[in-house]
Structures are given as structure tokens and as C-alpha cells.
Protein backbone atom coordinates (compact mmCIF):
# COMPACT_ATOMS: atom_id res chain seq x y z
CA MET A 1 16.20 -10.71 -16.14
CA SER A 2 13.37 -11.21 -18.63
CA ASP A 3 14.87 -14.49 -19.86
CA ASN A 4 14.61 -16.04 -16.41
CA TYR A 5 11.87 -18.66 -16.02
CA ILE A 6 10.96 -17.40 -12.56
CA PHE A 7 10.69 -13.84 -13.83
CA SER A 8 8.38 -15.02 -16.60
CA LEU A 9 6.20 -16.65 -13.92
CA PHE A 10 6.27 -13.36 -12.04
CA GLU A 11 5.19 -11.46 -15.15
CA GLU A 12 2.36 -13.91 -15.70
CA VAL A 13 1.15 -13.56 -12.11
CA ILE A 14 1.20 -9.78 -12.03
CA SER A 15 -0.44 -9.59 -15.42
CA LYS A 16 -3.22 -11.87 -14.22
CA CYS A 17 -3.66 -9.64 -11.16
CA ASP A 18 -3.61 -6.40 -13.18
CA ILE A 19 -0.58 -5.18 -11.27
CA LYS A 20 1.65 -2.74 -13.10
CA LEU A 21 5.24 -3.91 -13.56
CA THR A 22 7.05 -0.80 -12.36
CA GLU A 23 10.78 -0.26 -12.09
CA LYS A 24 10.39 -0.35 -8.30
CA LEU A 25 8.69 -3.75 -8.49
CA LYS A 26 11.42 -5.05 -10.82
CA ALA A 27 14.09 -3.80 -8.41
CA LEU A 28 12.37 -5.42 -5.42
CA TYR A 29 12.08 -8.65 -7.40
CA GLN A 30 15.80 -8.63 -8.20
CA ILE A 31 16.78 -7.87 -4.60
CA LYS A 32 14.66 -10.73 -3.25
CA TYR A 33 15.82 -13.10 -5.99
CA ASN A 34 19.45 -12.39 -5.10
CA GLU A 35 18.72 -12.65 -1.37
CA LEU A 36 17.27 -16.12 -1.80
CA ARG A 37 20.27 -17.22 -3.85
CA ILE A 38 18.09 -19.10 -6.29
CA ASP A 39 20.41 -21.05 -8.52
CA LEU A 40 20.21 -22.81 -11.86
CA GLN A 41 19.21 -26.08 -10.21
CA ASP A 42 16.25 -24.39 -8.49
CA VAL A 43 15.13 -22.85 -11.78
CA SER A 44 15.55 -26.19 -13.53
CA LEU A 45 13.34 -27.88 -10.94
CA LEU A 46 10.59 -25.35 -11.62
CA GLU A 47 10.96 -25.85 -15.35
CA THR A 48 10.19 -29.55 -14.92
CA ILE A 49 6.68 -28.99 -13.60
CA SER A 50 3.83 -29.61 -16.01
CA ASN A 51 1.87 -26.78 -17.59
CA ASP A 52 -1.09 -27.72 -15.40
CA ASP A 53 1.07 -27.44 -12.27
CA LYS A 54 2.52 -24.16 -13.50
CA ASN A 55 -0.97 -22.79 -14.14
CA GLU A 56 -2.03 -23.98 -10.69
CA LEU A 57 0.95 -22.18 -9.15
CA VAL A 58 0.11 -18.96 -11.03
CA GLU A 59 -3.52 -19.24 -9.94
CA LYS A 60 -2.58 -19.92 -6.31
CA ILE A 61 -0.28 -16.89 -6.17
CA SER A 62 -2.82 -14.71 -7.96
CA LYS A 63 -5.52 -15.55 -5.42
CA LYS A 64 -3.19 -14.58 -2.58
CA LEU A 65 -2.40 -11.26 -4.26
CA VAL A 66 -6.02 -10.16 -4.67
CA SER A 67 -5.96 -8.04 -1.52
CA VAL A 68 -2.27 -7.08 -1.62
CA ASP A 69 -1.58 -3.50 -2.60
CA GLU A 70 2.03 -3.02 -1.52
CA ASP A 71 4.94 -3.89 -3.81
CA GLN A 72 7.03 -5.48 -1.06
CA LYS A 73 4.15 -7.78 -0.07
CA VAL A 74 3.64 -8.79 -3.70
CA ILE A 75 7.28 -9.87 -3.82
CA GLU A 76 7.07 -11.72 -0.49
CA VAL A 77 3.93 -13.65 -1.48
CA PHE A 78 5.35 -14.52 -4.90
CA PHE A 79 8.70 -15.78 -3.66
CA ASN A 80 7.17 -17.62 -0.71
CA GLU A 81 5.08 -19.69 -3.12
CA VAL A 82 7.95 -20.16 -5.58
CA THR A 83 10.37 -21.39 -2.91
CA GLU A 84 7.71 -23.70 -1.46
CA THR A 85 7.16 -25.15 -4.92
CA ILE A 86 10.90 -25.63 -5.46
CA ASP A 87 11.13 -27.41 -2.09
CA TYR A 88 8.10 -29.56 -2.93
CA VAL A 89 9.50 -30.65 -6.30
CA TYR A 90 12.92 -31.32 -4.79
CA ASN A 91 11.37 -33.44 -2.01
CA LEU A 92 9.34 -35.41 -4.56
CA ILE A 93 12.49 -36.23 -6.48
CA ILE A 94 14.38 -37.24 -3.33
CA SER A 95 11.53 -39.40 -2.05
CA LYS A 96 11.31 -41.20 -5.40
CA GLN A 97 15.06 -41.84 -5.38
CA LEU A 98 15.03 -43.15 -1.83
CA GLY A 99 11.68 -44.90 -1.90
CA GLY A 100 11.92 -46.45 -5.31
């Protein structure tokens, strides 16, 4: 799990928020990750974003987690932002292919 790009983003976010990475949080992460059926293509799309965009994503998620104190909500906020970013990058690629 630790070699996964999305998990490394997760670690960066929770570290920035001073949230402890517990076994429960890791388990909830894995359950949600599997539920969403994130595949290699999704991960690859995220890997294509610039460092600035990645830092912006981490910052955006961190700001939303400031008042969150429940593990399940941490997971929901994190994956909501990640899936929105994947969709955004995918749509950018499609629009460039179709629009020239």
C-alpha cells in the first residue's frame, strides 16, 4: 500500500494536518480505495499533474480536514477530492483530444 501514489498523497495530507496514521485509518483507506475501484489509469492520471497542482490538492484537502475529527470523515473528504481531481484531469485530456 505504501508504494501507491494515492497513498503517498494521503500520507502527505494527514501529516500536514497532524493526524495520526493509525491501523484503523489505514484499514478505512484500503476499504474506500477498493470500493472506488481506482485503477492504474486513474493513478497514472494523478501522477501526471504538476508538483504545483499536487501541492494545491494537498493544501485543499488539508484545509477541509481542519475541523474533521472522525477517521471515516477524513477518508471521505480525501477520496472525494482525489476522485474529483481524477475526473478533472481526465476531462481536460478528453476536451483537448476533441477540441484540438
